[in-house]
């Protein structure tokens, strides 16, 4: 696998993020016992069967993206398949600050 195939990309495009997550069986969540009231707290993407079970709670895409924008986040991800042929699930929510010059999808 070449270095470019392993490279991660950032985006703030809501449609792309939702499609990327759902293609891999993921869902938008927040960490339980964070936030309060209308604030969902810490956002995460969860994939069933992974370590988030018990500590994460599913939320709707609208609520997820409201907090995503309010917190000025970007979605860091890779678009590759692993050796097993499965789509890579690597992702991370990162600050947009300092990423203005990176390519967006």
Foldseek 3Di string as FASTA:
>chain_A
DDPVQVAKAKALDLVVVVVVLVVQQKAKWAFPPADDDLQRGHIDIDHPPDDCPPGIDGDDSVSVSVNLVVQQWIKIGGAHADPVRHGDPDIDIHHCVPVPPGDHD
